[in-house]
């Protein structure tokens, strides 16, 4: 039976995954992992990160102009977006 890879926690809480483990999982520099504690074990899982687009006020107004919403729906949406209840 092959020995399990061993890692050490640094004073900053960092660990280095051995190259053999990274290769097995197909991990590359900059990849993101989620961390879970399961039955007293640390479980690292590759994560998929999706970029979030931040919309300008003008882009939000563009959405409003093309939306089929009642005035009340539009008012509630603007509140959710953190914008004034009526367009300037």
N, C-alpha and C. Protein backbone atom coordinates (compact mmCIF):
# COMPACT_ATOMS: atom_id res chain seq x y z
N UNK A 1 0.84 -1.17 0.00
CA UNK A 1 0.00 0.00 0.00
C UNK A 1 0.90 1.24 0.00
N UNK A 2 0.59 2.19 -0.92
CA UNK A 2 1.40 3.41 -1.03
C UNK A 2 1.09 4.35 0.13
N UNK A 3 2.13 5.08 0.55
CA UNK A 3 1.96 6.04 1.65
C UNK A 3 1.10 7.20 1.18
N UNK A 4 0.25 7.72 2.07
CA UNK A 4 -0.58 8.88 1.75
C UNK A 4 0.30 10.12 1.78
N UNK A 5 0.05 11.05 0.85
CA UNK A 5 0.81 12.31 0.88
C UNK A 5 0.55 13.05 2.18
N UNK A 6 1.53 13.76 2.67
CA UNK A 6 1.43 14.53 3.91
C UNK A 6 1.65 16.00 3.57
N UNK A 7 0.83 16.85 4.17
CA UNK A 7 1.02 18.30 4.03
C UNK A 7 1.11 18.91 5.42
N UNK A 8 1.71 20.09 5.48
CA UNK A 8 1.89 20.78 6.76
C UNK A 8 1.22 22.14 6.68
N UNK A 9 0.54 22.52 7.74
CA UNK A 9 -0.12 23.82 7.81
C UNK A 9 0.90 24.85 8.25
N UNK A 10 1.00 25.96 7.48
CA UNK A 10 1.94 27.03 7.83
C UNK A 10 1.34 27.91 8.92
N UNK A 11 2.13 28.84 9.45
CA UNK A 11 1.64 29.76 10.49
C UNK A 11 0.50 30.63 9.96
N UNK A 12 0.40 30.78 8.65
CA UNK A 12 -0.67 31.57 8.04
C UNK A 12 -1.87 30.71 7.65
N UNK A 13 -1.81 29.40 7.94
CA UNK A 13 -2.91 28.51 7.62
C UNK A 13 -2.86 27.94 6.22
N UNK A 14 -1.77 28.18 5.50
CA UNK A 14 -1.64 27.68 4.13
C UNK A 14 -1.13 26.24 4.13
N UNK A 15 -1.55 25.51 3.09
CA UNK A 15 -0.98 24.18 2.84
C UNK A 15 -0.56 24.13 1.38
N UNK A 16 0.36 23.27 1.06
CA UNK A 16 0.77 23.06 -0.32
C UNK A 16 0.38 21.65 -0.70
N UNK A 17 -0.45 21.54 -1.73
CA UNK A 17 -0.82 20.21 -2.20
C UNK A 17 0.34 19.64 -3.01
N UNK A 18 0.72 18.40 -2.74
CA UNK A 18 1.82 17.79 -3.50
C UNK A 18 1.48 17.75 -4.99
N UNK A 19 2.51 17.85 -5.82
CA UNK A 19 2.34 17.85 -7.28
C UNK A 19 1.56 16.63 -7.75
N UNK A 20 1.81 15.47 -7.14
CA UNK A 20 1.08 14.26 -7.57
C UNK A 20 -0.42 14.42 -7.35
N UNK A 21 -0.81 15.05 -6.25
CA UNK A 21 -2.23 15.27 -5.96
C UNK A 21 -2.81 16.27 -6.95
N UNK A 22 -2.09 17.37 -7.21
CA UNK A 22 -2.57 18.38 -8.17
C UNK A 22 -2.74 17.78 -9.55
N UNK A 23 -1.80 16.95 -9.95
CA UNK A 23 -1.91 16.30 -11.27
C UNK A 23 -3.12 15.37 -11.32
N UNK A 24 -3.30 14.57 -10.27
CA UNK A 24 -4.43 13.64 -10.22
C UNK A 24 -5.76 14.37 -10.36
N UNK A 25 -5.85 15.55 -9.75
CA UNK A 25 -7.10 16.32 -9.77
C UNK A 25 -7.17 17.30 -10.94
N UNK A 26 -6.09 17.42 -11.68
CA UNK A 26 -6.07 18.36 -12.80
C UNK A 26 -6.08 19.81 -12.36
N UNK A 27 -5.48 20.08 -11.19
CA UNK A 27 -5.45 21.44 -10.66
C UNK A 27 -4.27 22.22 -11.21
N UNK A 28 -4.50 23.48 -11.50
CA UNK A 28 -3.46 24.35 -12.03
C UNK A 28 -3.36 25.59 -11.15
N UNK A 29 -2.29 26.34 -11.32
CA UNK A 29 -2.07 27.58 -10.57
C UNK A 29 -3.29 28.49 -10.71
N UNK A 30 -3.80 28.99 -9.60
CA UNK A 30 -4.93 29.90 -9.63
C UNK A 30 -6.29 29.23 -9.54
N UNK A 31 -6.36 27.90 -9.61
CA UNK A 31 -7.65 27.21 -9.49
C UNK A 31 -8.23 27.47 -8.10
N UNK A 32 -9.54 27.41 -8.00
CA UNK A 32 -10.25 27.70 -6.76
C UNK A 32 -10.87 26.41 -6.22
N UNK A 33 -10.80 26.26 -4.89
CA UNK A 33 -11.36 25.08 -4.23
C UNK A 33 -12.35 25.53 -3.16
N UNK A 34 -13.37 24.71 -2.91
CA UNK A 34 -14.22 24.93 -1.75
C UNK A 34 -13.69 24.07 -0.61
N UNK A 35 -13.95 24.49 0.62
CA UNK A 35 -13.49 23.77 1.81
C UNK A 35 -14.71 23.37 2.61
N UNK A 36 -14.73 22.11 3.01
CA UNK A 36 -15.84 21.59 3.80
C UNK A 36 -15.27 20.70 4.91
N UNK A 37 -15.89 20.77 6.06
CA UNK A 37 -15.52 19.86 7.15
C UNK A 37 -16.57 18.76 7.15
N UNK A 38 -16.15 17.53 6.94
CA UNK A 38 -17.06 16.40 6.88
C UNK A 38 -16.55 15.29 7.80
N UNK A 39 -17.32 15.00 8.83
CA UNK A 39 -16.95 13.95 9.78
C UNK A 39 -15.53 14.15 10.30
N UNK A 40 -15.17 15.39 10.62
CA UNK A 40 -13.86 15.69 11.19
C UNK A 40 -12.73 15.73 10.17
N UNK A 41 -13.06 15.61 8.89
CA UNK A 41 -12.03 15.65 7.84
C UNK A 41 -12.21 16.93 7.01
N UNK A 42 -11.10 17.45 6.51
CA UNK A 42 -11.13 18.61 5.62
C UNK A 42 -11.27 18.07 4.20
N UNK A 43 -12.33 18.51 3.51
CA UNK A 43 -12.58 18.06 2.13
C UNK A 43 -12.44 19.26 1.21
N UNK A 44 -11.51 19.18 0.27
CA UNK A 44 -11.30 20.23 -0.73
C UNK A 44 -11.90 19.76 -2.05
N UNK A 45 -12.69 20.62 -2.67
CA UNK A 45 -13.34 20.26 -3.93
C UNK A 45 -13.10 21.38 -4.94
N UNK A 46 -12.68 21.05 -6.17
CA UNK A 46 -12.53 22.08 -7.19
C UNK A 46 -13.85 22.82 -7.39
N UNK A 47 -13.79 24.14 -7.47
CA UNK A 47 -14.99 24.98 -7.61
C UNK A 47 -15.02 25.61 -8.99
N UNK A 48 -16.22 25.93 -9.42
CA UNK A 48 -16.41 26.64 -10.67
C UNK A 48 -16.80 28.07 -10.32
N UNK A 49 -16.04 29.03 -10.80
CA UNK A 49 -16.28 30.43 -10.48
C UNK A 49 -16.86 31.11 -11.71
N UNK A 50 -17.96 31.82 -11.50
CA UNK A 50 -18.61 32.55 -12.57
C UNK A 50 -18.43 34.04 -12.31
N UNK A 51 -17.98 34.75 -13.31
CA UNK A 51 -17.80 36.20 -13.15
C UNK A 51 -19.16 36.88 -13.02
N UNK A 52 -19.19 37.91 -12.21
CA UNK A 52 -20.41 38.68 -12.00
C UNK A 52 -20.25 40.01 -12.72
N UNK A 53 -21.24 40.35 -13.52
CA UNK A 53 -21.20 41.63 -14.22
C UNK A 53 -21.88 42.68 -13.36
N UNK A 54 -21.21 43.80 -13.14
CA UNK A 54 -21.80 44.91 -12.41
C UNK A 54 -22.36 45.89 -13.44
N UNK A 55 -23.65 46.17 -13.32
CA UNK A 55 -24.32 47.02 -14.30
C UNK A 55 -24.27 48.49 -13.89
N UNK A 56 -24.05 49.34 -14.88
CA UNK A 56 -24.10 50.79 -14.66
C UNK A 56 -25.55 51.21 -14.55
N UNK A 57 -25.79 52.41 -14.02
CA UNK A 57 -27.16 52.93 -13.95
C UNK A 57 -27.79 53.00 -15.34
N UNK A 58 -27.00 53.40 -16.33
CA UNK A 58 -27.52 53.48 -17.70
C UNK A 58 -27.95 52.11 -18.21
N UNK A 59 -27.14 51.07 -17.91
CA UNK A 59 -27.48 49.72 -18.36
C UNK A 59 -28.76 49.23 -17.67
N UNK A 60 -28.92 49.58 -16.39
CA UNK A 60 -30.15 49.20 -15.68
C UNK A 60 -31.36 49.91 -16.28
N UNK A 61 -31.21 51.19 -16.66
CA UNK A 61 -32.31 51.91 -17.31
C UNK A 61 -32.64 51.28 -18.66
N UNK A 62 -31.61 50.80 -19.37
CA UNK A 62 -31.82 50.10 -20.64
C UNK A 62 -32.67 48.84 -20.42
N UNK A 63 -32.34 48.09 -19.36
CA UNK A 63 -33.14 46.91 -19.03
C UNK A 63 -34.59 47.31 -18.75
N UNK A 64 -34.76 48.39 -17.98
CA UNK A 64 -36.09 48.86 -17.64
C UNK A 64 -36.89 49.21 -18.89
N UNK A 65 -36.26 49.91 -19.83
CA UNK A 65 -36.96 50.33 -21.05
C UNK A 65 -37.41 49.12 -21.86
N UNK A 66 -36.63 48.04 -21.83
CA UNK A 66 -36.98 46.88 -22.65
C UNK A 66 -37.81 45.84 -21.89
N UNK A 67 -38.02 46.08 -20.60
CA UNK A 67 -38.77 45.12 -19.78
C UNK A 67 -40.27 45.31 -19.94
N UNK A 68 -40.98 44.21 -19.84
CA UNK A 68 -42.44 44.27 -19.85
C UNK A 68 -42.93 44.15 -18.42
N UNK A 69 -42.78 45.23 -17.66
CA UNK A 69 -43.18 45.23 -16.26
C UNK A 69 -44.20 46.33 -16.03
N UNK A 70 -45.07 46.06 -15.08
CA UNK A 70 -46.00 47.12 -14.66
C UNK A 70 -45.19 48.16 -13.89
N UNK A 71 -45.79 49.33 -13.67
CA UNK A 71 -45.09 50.37 -12.92
C UNK A 71 -44.76 49.90 -11.51
N UNK A 72 -45.65 49.11 -10.89
CA UNK A 72 -45.39 48.59 -9.53
C UNK A 72 -44.23 47.60 -9.55
N UNK A 73 -44.19 46.70 -10.54
CA UNK A 73 -43.08 45.75 -10.66
C UNK A 73 -41.77 46.50 -10.88
N UNK A 74 -41.81 47.52 -11.71
CA UNK A 74 -40.62 48.33 -11.98
C UNK A 74 -40.16 49.03 -10.71
N UNK A 75 -41.08 49.58 -9.91
CA UNK A 75 -40.74 50.24 -8.66
C UNK A 75 -40.05 49.26 -7.71
N UNK A 76 -40.60 48.05 -7.58
CA UNK A 76 -40.01 47.04 -6.69
C UNK A 76 -38.64 46.61 -7.20
N UNK A 77 -38.50 46.45 -8.50
CA UNK A 77 -37.20 46.05 -9.08
C UNK A 77 -36.15 47.11 -8.79
N UNK A 78 -36.51 48.39 -8.99
CA UNK A 78 -35.55 49.47 -8.72
C UNK A 78 -35.14 49.46 -7.26
N UNK A 79 -36.08 49.16 -6.34
CA UNK A 79 -35.75 49.07 -4.92
C UNK A 79 -34.77 47.94 -4.67
N UNK A 80 -34.98 46.81 -5.32
CA UNK A 80 -34.07 45.66 -5.19
C UNK A 80 -32.69 46.01 -5.71
N UNK A 81 -32.62 46.78 -6.79
CA UNK A 81 -31.34 47.16 -7.38
C UNK A 81 -30.67 48.28 -6.60
N UNK A 82 -31.38 48.86 -5.62
CA UNK A 82 -30.80 49.95 -4.83
C UNK A 82 -30.83 51.28 -5.56
N UNK A 83 -31.79 51.44 -6.47
CA UNK A 83 -31.93 52.69 -7.24
C UNK A 83 -33.14 53.46 -6.76
N UNK A 84 -33.20 54.76 -7.06
CA UNK A 84 -34.40 55.53 -6.70
C UNK A 84 -35.64 54.91 -7.35
N UNK A 85 -36.80 55.11 -6.74
CA UNK A 85 -38.02 54.45 -7.24
C UNK A 85 -38.47 54.95 -8.59
N UNK A 86 -37.98 56.09 -9.06
CA UNK A 86 -38.31 56.56 -10.40
C UNK A 86 -37.03 56.98 -11.11
N UNK A 87 -37.01 56.75 -12.42
CA UNK A 87 -35.81 57.09 -13.21
C UNK A 87 -35.64 58.60 -13.24
N UNK A 88 -34.38 59.08 -13.21
CA UNK A 88 -34.12 60.54 -13.23
C UNK A 88 -34.53 61.15 -14.55
